[in-house]
Amino acid sequence: MKITAKSIGRVLENPYFAFPLTCFVLFVIIIAVLMMNNTKEVISKDGRITEALQGGMFKIQLDDETIALAAISGKMRKFHIRLMPGDRVKVEFSPHDLTRGRISYRYK
C-alpha cells in the first residue's frame, strides 16, 4: 500500500483514528519541549575552595555559606588549570542536586 497525502487525509478524517492520533502527536511534542527545557538549566554560584580531595574533587564554601562538593570540569583538566584551597571559583549546579557541582571557572 502506498502512503500518500490523500490516504493520510482519509485516516485523519475518520473519527476513530483522528482523535487518538492527534492526542499522541501533541503528547510527543509536549514531552520533547519539556525535555529540551530541562536539559539546559544550569545554576551558577560563586564560592571559595576550602579543601582539595582525591580525584579532582573539592569542597567549596559558597557565598551563601553552604558547603558543596564539586569536580573540576573537563576543559580545566585538559588545559591543566591548577586549583588550590583559597581560590575563588564559579560552580555550576544541576537544579536536581545543589550539593554537587562542576567547577567551570577559576577567578584570578
Foldseek 3Di string as FASTA:
>chain_A
DDDDPVVVVVQCVDVVRNVVVVVVVVVVVVVVVVVVVQVPDKDKFKWFFAAADPPQKTWTQTPVRDIAIEHEDPVCVVVVPDDDGGWMFMWIDRPVDPRYTYTDGTDD
